[in-house]
C-alpha cells in the first residue's frame, strides 16, 4: 500500500511526466502535522545504453528506460531561503524577486510568481510569509494555490497571448477546469523575440519565454506594466515577473494589474 501511494504521489508522477526536467510539488504538510510545510523536488532517473542514447518522453520505446525517481523533501522555510538567494539582485545594487518583503524599497512596483506548468503558484509574496502557519489558519490552501484564482487579470493576459490555456473535464457530479502551459506558443514567442533582437542588433535570449508590455491608466497618467514569463532552466517551472512604472510621475506603479503588486503610487493631489 505504501509503495502504491508513492507511485501516485505528485512528486513521482510529475517527474515521470517530464523526465528531462526537475519537478516541484506545491507546498504540503505531512500526515499528523498541519504546520510543517514542505515541498518536494524530484527528477526521473534513466538508464541509457548505446542503442538507446537519446532522451525521449516517458512511455517511449526508443529512448532511455526510466527505472525510478529521485526526490528530496525540503522544508518550505528552507526553500524560501533558496529562492531568495537565487533571485536577489542586491549584489548588483538592484532589487529582484528574492528581495520582496525585505524592505519597502524592494517591494516597489514588483510582483514575482514561481509557477508550475498547471499554473499552480509554488512561490510568491504570500507564500513567502507562510512560515509555520497551521493549514486551517492560512486563509487559503497552499497545496491548491492556483494563479487564475489569485491573479485573474494577469491570467487573462496570458490567455490572450495563448501561453496558457484551460481545459474542462466532466466528473460524475462536478465539472473541473485544468490550466496548462502552451509550450509550443511559448517557443513561437521566443523565436519571434529573438528574430526581432537580431534585426535590431540586440542580443538574443537563451531562455524560453515571452515579454509583454501593457499600458494601464494610473493616477498620474499612464503606467507601463511589463510582464516576463520564462522557463526556469532544466525545470518544469516558470518565473513570472510583473513590474510597473508611471511615466508621468516617474514612480513605480503596478496598479490593478496584479493583486500581489504593491500599489506605492502617491497622488500629487493628496498634498
Protein backbone atom coordinates (compact mmCIF):
# COMPACT_ATOMS: atom_id res chain seq x y z
CA UNK A 1 0.00 0.00 0.00
CA UNK A 2 2.81 2.41 0.87
CA UNK A 3 4.58 1.66 -2.42
CA UNK A 4 1.31 2.18 -4.30
CA UNK A 5 0.80 5.57 -2.62
CA UNK A 6 4.33 6.62 -3.59
CA UNK A 7 3.64 5.78 -7.22
CA UNK A 8 0.62 8.10 -7.09
CA UNK A 9 2.38 10.94 -5.30
CA UNK A 10 2.60 14.24 -7.20
CA UNK A 11 6.40 14.37 -6.90
CA UNK A 12 6.62 10.93 -8.54
CA UNK A 13 4.04 11.40 -11.33
CA UNK A 14 5.25 14.92 -12.22
CA UNK A 15 8.83 13.71 -12.60
CA UNK A 16 7.70 10.94 -14.97
CA UNK A 17 5.55 13.34 -17.00
CA UNK A 18 8.67 15.37 -17.95
CA UNK A 19 11.64 13.02 -17.39
CA UNK A 20 14.24 15.50 -18.63
CA UNK A 21 13.16 18.26 -16.21
CA UNK A 22 13.21 18.78 -12.45
CA UNK A 23 9.70 18.79 -10.96
CA UNK A 24 8.45 20.62 -7.86
CA UNK A 25 5.33 19.98 -5.81
CA UNK A 26 3.03 22.52 -4.26
CA UNK A 27 3.57 23.21 -0.53
CA UNK A 28 2.08 20.44 1.61
CA UNK A 29 2.10 19.20 5.19
CA UNK A 30 2.93 15.61 6.15
CA UNK A 31 0.27 13.48 7.87
CA UNK A 32 -0.21 14.42 11.51
CA UNK A 33 1.48 17.83 11.27
CA UNK A 34 -0.52 20.70 9.77
CA UNK A 35 2.15 23.40 10.19
CA UNK A 36 5.32 21.71 8.92
CA UNK A 37 5.09 22.92 5.33
CA UNK A 38 7.31 21.22 2.76
CA UNK A 39 7.92 20.88 -0.97
CA UNK A 40 9.48 18.01 -2.88
CA UNK A 41 11.95 18.35 -5.75
CA UNK A 42 12.13 15.28 -7.97
CA UNK A 43 13.76 14.03 -11.16
CA UNK A 44 13.27 10.86 -13.20
CA UNK A 45 16.28 8.53 -13.32
CA UNK A 46 17.05 6.84 -16.62
CA UNK A 47 19.21 4.05 -17.86
CA UNK A 48 20.83 4.93 -21.18
CA UNK A 49 22.57 2.32 -23.31
CA UNK A 50 24.45 2.51 -26.58
CA UNK A 51 21.38 1.56 -28.61
CA UNK A 52 19.08 3.99 -26.73
CA UNK A 53 21.16 7.10 -26.05
CA UNK A 54 18.66 9.88 -26.72
CA UNK A 55 16.23 11.45 -24.26
CA UNK A 56 12.63 10.64 -25.13
CA UNK A 57 9.28 11.34 -23.49
CA UNK A 58 8.01 8.96 -20.81
CA UNK A 59 6.33 5.94 -22.37
CA UNK A 60 8.51 5.98 -25.46
CA UNK A 61 10.05 2.71 -26.60
CA UNK A 62 13.03 4.36 -28.28
CA UNK A 63 14.57 6.46 -25.50
CA UNK A 64 16.42 5.58 -22.28
CA UNK A 65 14.35 3.48 -19.91
CA UNK A 66 13.04 5.17 -16.76
CA UNK A 67 13.69 2.97 -13.79
CA UNK A 68 12.95 5.29 -10.91
CA UNK A 69 12.51 8.77 -9.50
CA UNK A 70 14.83 10.57 -7.07
CA UNK A 71 13.24 13.10 -4.74
CA UNK A 72 14.27 15.50 -1.97
CA UNK A 73 11.77 16.67 0.62
CA UNK A 74 12.59 20.24 1.67
CA UNK A 75 11.07 22.26 4.48
CA UNK A 76 9.32 25.23 2.96
CA UNK A 77 11.17 27.82 5.04
CA UNK A 78 14.45 26.50 3.64
CA UNK A 79 13.03 26.57 0.13
CA UNK A 80 12.11 30.25 0.62
CA UNK A 81 15.75 30.92 1.55
CA UNK A 82 16.95 29.09 -1.57
CA UNK A 83 14.54 31.13 -3.69
CA UNK A 84 15.74 34.39 -2.16
CA UNK A 85 19.40 33.58 -2.76
CA UNK A 86 18.74 32.54 -6.36
CA UNK A 87 16.70 35.63 -7.30
CA UNK A 88 18.14 38.54 -5.32
CA UNK A 89 19.79 41.35 -7.28
CA UNK A 90 21.38 43.11 -4.32
CA UNK A 91 24.92 42.10 -5.31
CA UNK A 92 24.49 44.43 -8.31
CA UNK A 93 22.75 47.12 -6.21
CA UNK A 94 19.28 46.35 -7.55
CA UNK A 95 16.20 44.58 -6.23
CA UNK A 96 14.85 41.29 -7.56
CA UNK A 97 12.23 38.70 -6.68
CA UNK A 98 14.23 37.40 -3.75
CA UNK A 99 14.20 40.84 -2.16
CA UNK A 100 10.42 41.03 -1.80
CA UNK A 101 9.28 41.75 1.78
CA UNK A 102 12.80 42.71 2.87
CA UNK A 103 12.19 46.48 2.70
CA UNK A 104 9.66 48.98 1.39
CA UNK A 105 12.09 49.92 -1.38
CA UNK A 106 12.46 46.32 -2.55
CA UNK A 107 8.68 45.97 -2.88
CA UNK A 108 8.20 49.00 -5.10
CA UNK A 109 6.15 48.08 -8.15
CA UNK A 110 7.31 44.45 -8.27
CA UNK A 111 5.49 41.11 -8.11
CA UNK A 112 7.00 37.67 -8.75
CA UNK A 113 5.45 34.24 -9.09
CA UNK A 114 7.05 30.82 -9.48
CA UNK A 115 4.55 28.63 -11.36
CA UNK A 116 4.37 25.05 -12.49
CA UNK A 117 3.04 24.01 -15.89
CA UNK A 118 -0.50 23.75 -14.48
CA UNK A 119 -0.50 27.36 -13.24
CA UNK A 120 -0.11 26.40 -9.59
CA UNK A 121 1.78 29.01 -7.58
CA UNK A 122 4.68 27.47 -5.68
CA UNK A 123 6.23 30.78 -4.60
CA UNK A 124 5.05 34.38 -4.33
CA UNK A 125 4.90 37.14 -1.73
CA UNK A 126 2.03 35.42 0.08
CA UNK A 127 3.79 32.05 0.31
CA UNK A 128 7.00 33.72 1.48
CA UNK A 129 5.09 34.59 4.66
CA UNK A 130 3.63 31.11 5.17
CA UNK A 131 6.16 30.12 7.83
CA UNK A 132 4.70 27.63 10.31
CA UNK A 133 1.11 28.79 9.84
CA UNK A 134 -1.28 25.88 10.52
CA UNK A 135 -3.21 24.81 7.44
CA UNK A 136 -6.57 25.74 8.98
CA UNK A 137 -5.34 29.29 9.74
CA UNK A 138 -3.68 30.15 6.42
CA UNK A 139 -6.87 31.55 4.88
CA UNK A 140 -6.17 29.63 1.67
CA UNK A 141 -4.90 26.21 0.67
CA UNK A 142 -1.22 26.45 -0.42
CA UNK A 143 -1.43 22.95 -1.90
CA UNK A 144 -4.17 24.13 -4.31
CA UNK A 145 -2.99 27.71 -4.84
CA UNK A 146 -3.87 28.50 -8.47
CA UNK A 147 -2.67 31.51 -10.43
CA UNK A 148 -6.00 32.02 -12.18
CA UNK A 149 -7.86 32.43 -8.88
CA UNK A 150 -5.12 34.53 -7.26
CA UNK A 151 -4.37 36.77 -10.26
CA UNK A 152 -7.32 36.71 -12.71
CA UNK A 153 -6.29 39.86 -14.65
CA UNK A 154 -2.75 38.64 -15.20
CA UNK A 155 -4.03 35.23 -16.26
CA UNK A 156 -6.32 36.84 -18.83
CA UNK A 157 -3.30 38.45 -20.48
CA UNK A 158 -1.55 35.07 -20.60
CA UNK A 159 -4.68 33.61 -22.21
CA UNK A 160 -4.64 36.45 -24.76
CA UNK A 161 -1.10 35.55 -25.80
CA UNK A 162 -2.07 31.85 -25.72
CA UNK A 163 0.81 30.83 -23.44
CA UNK A 164 -1.74 29.21 -21.11
CA UNK A 165 -4.99 27.51 -21.99
CA UNK A 166 -7.79 25.96 -19.98
CA UNK A 167 -9.43 22.60 -20.47
CA UNK A 168 -12.64 21.42 -18.86
CA UNK A 169 -13.42 17.86 -17.92
CA UNK A 170 -16.62 16.46 -16.50
CA UNK A 171 -16.76 14.16 -13.50
CA UNK A 172 -19.86 12.38 -12.26
CA UNK A 173 -21.08 15.22 -10.03
CA UNK A 174 -18.96 18.21 -10.99
CA UNK A 175 -17.01 19.95 -13.73
CA UNK A 176 -13.33 20.75 -13.28
CA UNK A 177 -11.05 23.17 -15.10
CA UNK A 178 -7.41 22.35 -15.81
CA UNK A 179 -4.92 25.08 -16.70
CA UNK A 180 -1.95 24.11 -18.82
CA UNK A 181 1.09 25.90 -20.19
CA UNK A 182 1.17 26.02 -24.00
CA UNK A 183 4.82 25.24 -24.64
CA UNK A 184 4.54 25.48 -28.43
CA UNK A 185 3.15 29.02 -28.14
CA UNK A 186 5.97 29.95 -25.76
CA UNK A 187 8.50 28.60 -28.25
CA UNK A 188 6.93 30.68 -31.05
CA UNK A 189 7.08 33.87 -28.96
CA UNK A 190 10.72 33.11 -28.09
CA UNK A 191 11.61 32.68 -31.76
CA UNK A 192 9.80 35.89 -32.69
CA UNK A 193 11.50 37.86 -29.93
CA UNK A 194 14.94 36.55 -30.95
CA UNK A 195 14.23 37.41 -34.59
CA UNK A 196 13.37 40.98 -33.56
CA UNK A 197 16.55 41.07 -31.46
CA UNK A 198 18.70 40.09 -34.44
CA UNK A 199 17.05 42.69 -36.67
CA UNK A 200 17.58 45.44 -34.09
CA UNK A 201 21.09 44.47 -33.05
CA UNK A 202 20.10 43.25 -29.58
CA UNK A 203 21.46 40.05 -28.02
CA UNK A 204 19.18 37.04 -28.27
CA UNK A 205 17.74 35.48 -25.13
CA UNK A 206 18.94 31.96 -24.27
CA UNK A 207 15.73 31.35 -22.31
CA UNK A 208 12.31 30.12 -23.35
CA UNK A 209 9.75 32.82 -22.61
CA UNK A 210 7.73 35.88 -23.51
CA UNK A 211 7.82 39.61 -22.70
CA UNK A 212 4.56 41.57 -22.65
CA UNK A 213 4.06 45.34 -22.32
CA UNK A 214 0.65 46.64 -21.20
CA UNK A 215 -0.49 50.26 -20.98
CA UNK A 216 -2.64 50.98 -17.94
CA UNK A 217 -4.30 54.11 -16.57
CA UNK A 218 -2.54 55.41 -13.47
CA UNK A 219 -3.48 58.26 -11.11
CA UNK A 220 -0.72 60.41 -12.61
CA UNK A 221 -1.26 59.45 -16.24
CA UNK A 222 -0.36 56.14 -17.89
CA UNK A 223 1.67 53.28 -16.49
CA UNK A 224 3.63 50.76 -18.50
CA UNK A 225 3.34 47.31 -16.99
CA UNK A 226 5.85 44.74 -18.13
CA UNK A 227 5.25 41.01 -17.73
CA UNK A 228 8.03 38.46 -18.15
CA UNK A 229 7.31 34.73 -18.22
CA UNK A 230 10.36 32.48 -18.62
CA UNK A 231 11.07 28.83 -18.02
CA UNK A 232 13.48 28.04 -15.21
CA UNK A 233 16.41 26.23 -16.91
CA UNK A 234 16.20 22.41 -16.70
CA UNK A 235 13.00 22.55 -14.62
CA UNK A 236 9.29 22.25 -15.28
CA UNK A 237 8.84 25.63 -13.58
CA UNK A 238 8.21 29.14 -14.86
CA UNK A 239 9.08 32.51 -13.36
CA UNK A 240 6.56 35.29 -13.93
CA UNK A 241 7.61 38.84 -13.04
CA UNK A 242 5.43 41.94 -13.13
CA UNK A 243 6.94 45.42 -12.99
CA UNK A 244 5.13 48.72 -13.49
CA UNK A 245 6.23 52.31 -13.99
CA UNK A 246 4.26 55.56 -14.23
CA UNK A 247 5.96 57.66 -16.91
CA UNK A 248 4.46 60.99 -15.83
CA UNK A 249 5.33 60.81 -12.13
CA UNK A 250 8.43 58.68 -12.76
CA UNK A 251 7.37 56.36 -9.97
CA UNK A 252 6.95 52.58 -9.89
CA UNK A 253 3.29 51.66 -10.16
CA UNK A 254 1.57 48.35 -10.93
CA UNK A 255 -1.96 49.47 -10.20
CA UNK A 256 -4.79 46.95 -10.55
CA UNK A 257 -2.97 44.63 -12.97
CA UNK A 258 -1.79 42.36 -10.15
CA UNK A 259 -3.32 41.85 -6.72
CA UNK A 260 0.12 40.96 -5.45
CA UNK A 261 1.91 44.03 -6.80
CA UNK A 262 2.11 46.73 -4.11
CA UNK A 263 0.48 49.98 -5.19
CA UNK A 264 3.01 52.52 -3.95
CA UNK A 265 1.77 55.45 -6.03
CA UNK A 266 1.27 58.67 -4.05
CA UNK A 267 -1.03 61.09 -5.81
CA UNK A 268 0.28 64.63 -6.23
CA UNK A 269 -3.26 65.87 -5.40
CA UNK A 270 -3.04 64.49 -1.87
CA UNK A 271 -0.51 67.06 -0.69
